[in-house]
């Protein structure tokens, strides 16, 4: 005959006593929580509604500022460059400008367009400021996050070359390098020094750092705008092709002085 097992499960007087003691406290806690949410539901809803309205209002205000900025400055080259750069970096995303928004296909960063712009931009600072105002983001950080080290180096080298070109092109007449007849000159232009024929047609484009030739004549501009060197072009049969003519802004002498 099987004996009954005393004091097992809820048949245990101690377990019954504990359950009886805990149950009222759980019930009270549940009732308090329910009462709190019922009594404060309206306030919680109002707080949430105010927070959401504030967020949407702030987003609307930001978009309004961007649209106003674009309407006033959209014709400027640095603003257009900022828009195109964003599109090149964030391919596969939509430019978030409300009714200015437009979608973009997803096929990665467009390095070719970025590098083309780098060769055209004359002031990267203006482009960076416009980029930040429109997209609330850093152009330089976005570029660094999307390009590998080789692509990034090429991009910044192109920017530096353009800045250098601007400095060279803006040298005024009084500060132009004046080399003497018989002196050798080299190309000093980041995009290559342009060597022309006497009739003004293109003869050569000499890479920066390459020797152009020997100065035969210094031709002063009567209007004091420019200075030209007539040159015995290096590695050229000048008695057949004639001498070359090069802008003084684009050359440097052997000692790299201007």
Protein backbone atom coordinates (compact mmCIF):
# COMPACT_ATOMS: atom_id res chain seq x y z
CA UNK A 1 0.00 0.00 0.00
CA UNK A 2 1.40 3.45 -1.08
CA UNK A 3 1.76 5.95 1.71
CA UNK A 4 0.73 9.58 1.34
CA UNK A 5 3.61 12.04 1.19
CA UNK A 6 2.91 14.70 3.78
CA UNK A 7 3.76 18.42 3.43
CA UNK A 8 4.29 18.39 -0.39
CA UNK A 9 3.54 21.38 -2.69
CA UNK A 10 0.65 23.57 -1.63
CA UNK A 11 -0.21 20.89 0.89
CA UNK A 12 2.74 22.26 2.81
CA UNK A 13 1.45 24.62 5.51
CA UNK A 14 4.59 26.80 5.22
CA UNK A 15 4.13 27.27 1.46
CA UNK A 16 0.47 28.14 1.97
CA UNK A 17 1.42 30.71 4.58
CA UNK A 18 4.01 32.38 2.27
CA UNK A 19 1.60 32.48 -0.68
CA UNK A 20 -1.11 33.98 1.50
CA UNK A 21 1.29 36.70 2.70
CA UNK A 22 2.65 37.62 -0.76
CA UNK A 23 -0.63 37.66 -2.70
CA UNK A 24 -2.11 40.77 -1.04
CA UNK A 25 1.10 42.80 -1.58
CA UNK A 26 1.23 41.84 -5.30
CA UNK A 27 -2.42 42.79 -5.66
CA UNK A 28 -1.84 46.15 -3.99
CA UNK A 29 1.20 46.91 -6.18
CA UNK A 30 -0.72 46.05 -9.35
CA UNK A 31 -3.63 48.24 -8.30
CA UNK A 32 -1.32 51.16 -7.53
CA UNK A 33 0.43 50.85 -10.92
CA UNK A 34 -2.91 50.71 -12.73
CA UNK A 35 -4.24 53.69 -10.77
CA UNK A 36 -1.08 55.72 -11.55
CA UNK A 37 -1.33 55.13 -15.30
CA UNK A 38 -5.10 55.82 -15.32
CA UNK A 39 -4.70 59.04 -13.36
CA UNK A 40 -1.68 60.25 -15.35
CA UNK A 41 -2.55 59.00 -18.84
CA UNK A 42 -3.76 62.44 -19.95
CA UNK A 43 -0.62 64.18 -18.68
CA UNK A 44 1.65 61.56 -20.24
CA UNK A 45 -0.19 61.91 -23.55
CA UNK A 46 0.14 65.71 -23.44
CA UNK A 47 3.87 65.47 -22.66
CA UNK A 48 4.39 63.04 -25.54
CA UNK A 49 2.33 65.20 -27.90
CA UNK A 50 4.26 68.33 -26.95
CA UNK A 51 7.59 66.54 -27.38
CA UNK A 52 6.60 65.15 -30.78
CA UNK A 53 5.24 68.52 -31.92
CA UNK A 54 8.45 70.21 -30.80
CA UNK A 55 10.56 67.70 -32.71
CA UNK A 56 8.46 68.04 -35.88
CA UNK A 57 8.50 71.82 -35.51
CA UNK A 58 12.29 71.84 -35.21
CA UNK A 59 12.60 69.58 -38.28
CA UNK A 60 10.28 71.89 -40.23
CA UNK A 61 12.31 74.92 -39.14
CA UNK A 62 15.58 73.27 -40.24
CA UNK A 63 14.12 72.37 -43.64
CA UNK A 64 12.74 75.89 -44.00
CA UNK A 65 16.19 77.35 -43.32
CA UNK A 66 17.78 75.04 -45.89
CA UNK A 67 15.19 75.91 -48.54
CA UNK A 68 15.63 79.62 -47.84
CA UNK A 69 19.41 79.24 -48.14
CA UNK A 70 19.11 77.32 -51.42
CA UNK A 71 16.71 79.85 -52.92
CA UNK A 72 19.10 82.69 -52.04
CA UNK A 73 22.36 80.91 -52.94
CA UNK A 74 21.51 78.05 -55.29
CA UNK A 75 23.06 79.90 -58.22
CA UNK A 76 26.47 80.05 -56.57
CA UNK A 77 29.07 77.58 -57.83
CA UNK A 78 30.17 76.45 -54.35
CA UNK A 79 26.57 75.61 -53.38
CA UNK A 80 26.06 73.59 -56.56
CA UNK A 81 29.38 71.85 -55.86
CA UNK A 82 28.20 70.97 -52.33
CA UNK A 83 24.96 69.46 -53.69
CA UNK A 84 26.79 67.41 -56.30
CA UNK A 85 29.38 66.25 -53.77
CA UNK A 86 26.64 65.04 -51.43
CA UNK A 87 25.02 63.20 -54.30
CA UNK A 88 28.37 61.65 -55.26
CA UNK A 89 29.15 60.52 -51.71
CA UNK A 90 25.68 59.35 -50.68
CA UNK A 91 24.61 57.45 -53.75
CA UNK A 92 21.66 55.26 -52.83
CA UNK A 93 20.19 57.88 -50.49
CA UNK A 94 17.72 60.70 -50.86
CA UNK A 95 18.77 64.27 -50.24
CA UNK A 96 16.49 65.21 -47.29
CA UNK A 97 15.28 68.66 -48.30
CA UNK A 98 11.50 68.34 -48.42
CA UNK A 99 10.33 69.54 -51.81
CA UNK A 100 14.01 69.84 -52.84
CA UNK A 101 14.44 66.10 -52.23
CA UNK A 102 15.49 63.76 -54.99
CA UNK A 103 16.36 60.07 -55.02
CA UNK A 104 19.70 58.57 -55.97
CA UNK A 105 20.54 55.12 -57.28
CA UNK A 106 22.59 52.87 -55.01
CA UNK A 107 25.94 52.05 -56.61
CA UNK A 108 28.55 53.45 -54.23
CA UNK A 109 30.55 56.67 -54.05
CA UNK A 110 31.14 58.38 -57.39
CA UNK A 111 34.90 59.00 -57.14
CA UNK A 112 35.13 60.22 -60.73
CA UNK A 113 32.71 63.08 -60.08
CA UNK A 114 34.40 63.95 -56.77
CA UNK A 115 37.81 64.14 -58.44
CA UNK A 116 36.41 66.22 -61.29
CA UNK A 117 34.97 68.69 -58.79
CA UNK A 118 38.25 68.76 -56.87
CA UNK A 119 39.93 70.04 -60.06
CA UNK A 120 37.28 72.74 -60.52
CA UNK A 121 36.79 74.05 -56.98
CA UNK A 122 38.66 77.25 -56.24
CA UNK A 123 37.73 77.52 -52.55
CA UNK A 124 37.01 74.27 -50.70
CA UNK A 125 36.22 76.25 -47.53
CA UNK A 126 33.15 77.85 -49.18
CA UNK A 127 31.99 74.43 -50.40
CA UNK A 128 32.45 72.90 -46.92
CA UNK A 129 30.43 75.69 -45.26
CA UNK A 130 27.60 75.30 -47.80
CA UNK A 131 27.66 71.50 -47.35
CA UNK A 132 27.29 71.88 -43.58
CA UNK A 133 24.47 74.42 -43.88
CA UNK A 134 22.48 72.26 -46.28
CA UNK A 135 23.09 68.78 -44.86
CA UNK A 136 24.21 69.49 -41.29
CA UNK A 137 27.23 67.30 -41.90
CA UNK A 138 30.98 67.64 -42.42
CA UNK A 139 32.15 67.32 -46.03
CA UNK A 140 35.64 66.23 -44.98
CA UNK A 141 34.37 63.55 -42.58
CA UNK A 142 31.91 62.22 -45.17
CA UNK A 143 34.67 62.02 -47.78
CA UNK A 144 37.02 60.28 -45.34
CA UNK A 145 34.33 57.73 -44.42
CA UNK A 146 33.55 56.88 -48.04
CA UNK A 147 36.94 56.83 -49.76
CA UNK A 148 39.82 54.45 -49.16
CA UNK A 149 43.29 55.85 -48.43
CA UNK A 150 44.40 55.88 -52.09
CA UNK A 151 41.23 57.59 -53.30
CA UNK A 152 41.38 60.09 -50.43
CA UNK A 153 45.00 60.98 -51.21
CA UNK A 154 44.14 61.59 -54.86
CA UNK A 155 41.15 63.76 -53.93
CA UNK A 156 43.15 66.00 -51.59
CA UNK A 157 46.09 66.21 -54.00
CA UNK A 158 43.71 67.51 -56.67
CA UNK A 159 42.35 70.10 -54.23
CA UNK A 160 45.86 71.25 -53.38
CA UNK A 161 46.80 71.50 -57.05
CA UNK A 162 43.75 73.66 -57.73
CA UNK A 163 44.60 75.93 -54.80
CA UNK A 164 48.18 76.18 -56.04
CA UNK A 165 46.97 76.96 -59.55
CA UNK A 166 44.80 79.78 -58.20
CA UNK A 167 47.79 81.30 -56.39
CA UNK A 168 49.91 81.11 -59.54
CA UNK A 169 47.19 82.50 -61.79
CA UNK A 170 46.62 85.43 -59.43
CA UNK A 171 50.24 86.65 -59.39
CA UNK A 172 50.13 90.30 -60.38
CA UNK A 173 52.32 91.78 -63.11
CA UNK A 174 54.83 93.42 -60.79
CA UNK A 175 55.53 90.12 -59.02
CA UNK A 176 55.91 87.97 -62.13
CA UNK A 177 59.19 86.02 -62.35
CA UNK A 178 61.66 87.76 -64.66
CA UNK A 179 64.39 85.45 -65.89
CA UNK A 180 67.24 86.52 -68.12
CA UNK A 181 68.08 85.42 -71.65
CA UNK A 182 70.02 82.15 -71.60
CA UNK A 183 68.40 80.91 -68.40
CA UNK A 184 66.73 77.49 -68.30
CA UNK A 185 63.12 77.39 -67.16
CA UNK A 186 60.87 74.56 -65.97
CA UNK A 187 57.12 74.09 -65.81
CA UNK A 188 55.68 75.23 -62.49
CA UNK A 189 51.96 74.88 -63.17
CA UNK A 190 50.05 72.01 -61.49
CA UNK A 191 48.12 71.32 -64.69
CA UNK A 192 51.18 71.70 -66.91
CA UNK A 193 52.68 74.80 -68.52
CA UNK A 194 51.13 75.71 -71.88
CA UNK A 195 53.71 76.24 -74.63
CA UNK A 196 52.33 78.02 -77.70
CA UNK A 197 53.51 78.57 -81.23
CA UNK A 198 54.00 82.10 -82.53
CA UNK A 199 50.51 82.07 -84.08
CA UNK A 200 48.97 81.20 -80.70
CA UNK A 201 48.24 77.56 -81.46
CA UNK A 202 49.06 74.90 -78.88
CA UNK A 203 52.51 73.40 -79.22
CA UNK A 204 53.00 71.49 -76.00
CA UNK A 205 51.79 71.08 -72.44
CA UNK A 206 54.79 70.52 -70.21
CA UNK A 207 54.19 68.58 -67.00
CA UNK A 208 55.08 70.34 -63.76
CA UNK A 209 58.76 69.87 -62.91
CA UNK A 210 59.78 69.16 -66.51
CA UNK A 211 62.24 71.39 -68.33
CA UNK A 212 60.70 73.67 -70.97
CA UNK A 213 63.84 75.13 -72.49
CA UNK A 214 66.13 78.16 -72.63
CA UNK A 215 64.88 81.76 -72.53
CA UNK A 216 65.63 83.57 -75.81
CA UNK A 217 63.60 86.72 -75.23
CA UNK A 218 61.56 88.39 -72.48
CA UNK A 219 58.44 89.93 -74.00
CA UNK A 220 56.88 92.60 -71.81
CA UNK A 221 53.14 93.26 -72.14
CA UNK A 222 52.54 97.00 -72.85
CA UNK A 223 49.28 96.82 -70.89
CA UNK A 224 51.24 95.44 -67.92
CA UNK A 225 48.98 92.42 -67.55
CA UNK A 226 51.27 89.59 -68.57
CA UNK A 227 54.83 88.59 -69.34
CA UNK A 228 55.86 86.03 -71.97
CA UNK A 229 59.09 84.16 -72.60
CA UNK A 230 60.18 83.14 -76.09
CA UNK A 231 61.90 79.83 -75.54
CA UNK A 232 64.21 77.46 -77.38
CA UNK A 233 62.07 74.44 -76.55
CA UNK A 234 63.86 71.48 -75.01
CA UNK A 235 64.17 68.38 -77.24
CA UNK A 236 62.60 70.18 -80.20
CA UNK A 237 63.83 71.08 -83.70
CA UNK A 238 63.11 74.79 -83.44
CA UNK A 239 64.58 75.66 -86.83
CA UNK A 240 61.73 73.62 -88.28
CA UNK A 241 58.94 74.34 -85.79
CA UNK A 242 60.00 77.76 -84.53
CA UNK A 243 60.39 78.83 -80.92
CA UNK A 244 57.85 78.31 -78.15
CA UNK A 245 56.08 80.97 -76.12
CA UNK A 246 55.15 80.45 -72.48
CA UNK A 247 53.40 82.53 -69.83
CA UNK A 248 55.74 83.72 -67.07
CA UNK A 249 53.16 82.69 -64.46
CA UNK A 250 53.62 79.05 -65.39
CA UNK A 251 57.39 78.69 -65.15
CA UNK A 252 60.19 78.59 -62.64
CA UNK A 253 63.99 78.61 -62.91
CA UNK A 254 66.50 75.93 -61.93
CA UNK A 255 66.76 77.26 -58.38
CA UNK A 256 62.97 77.13 -57.95
CA UNK A 257 62.76 80.85 -57.27
CA UNK A 258 60.27 83.33 -58.61
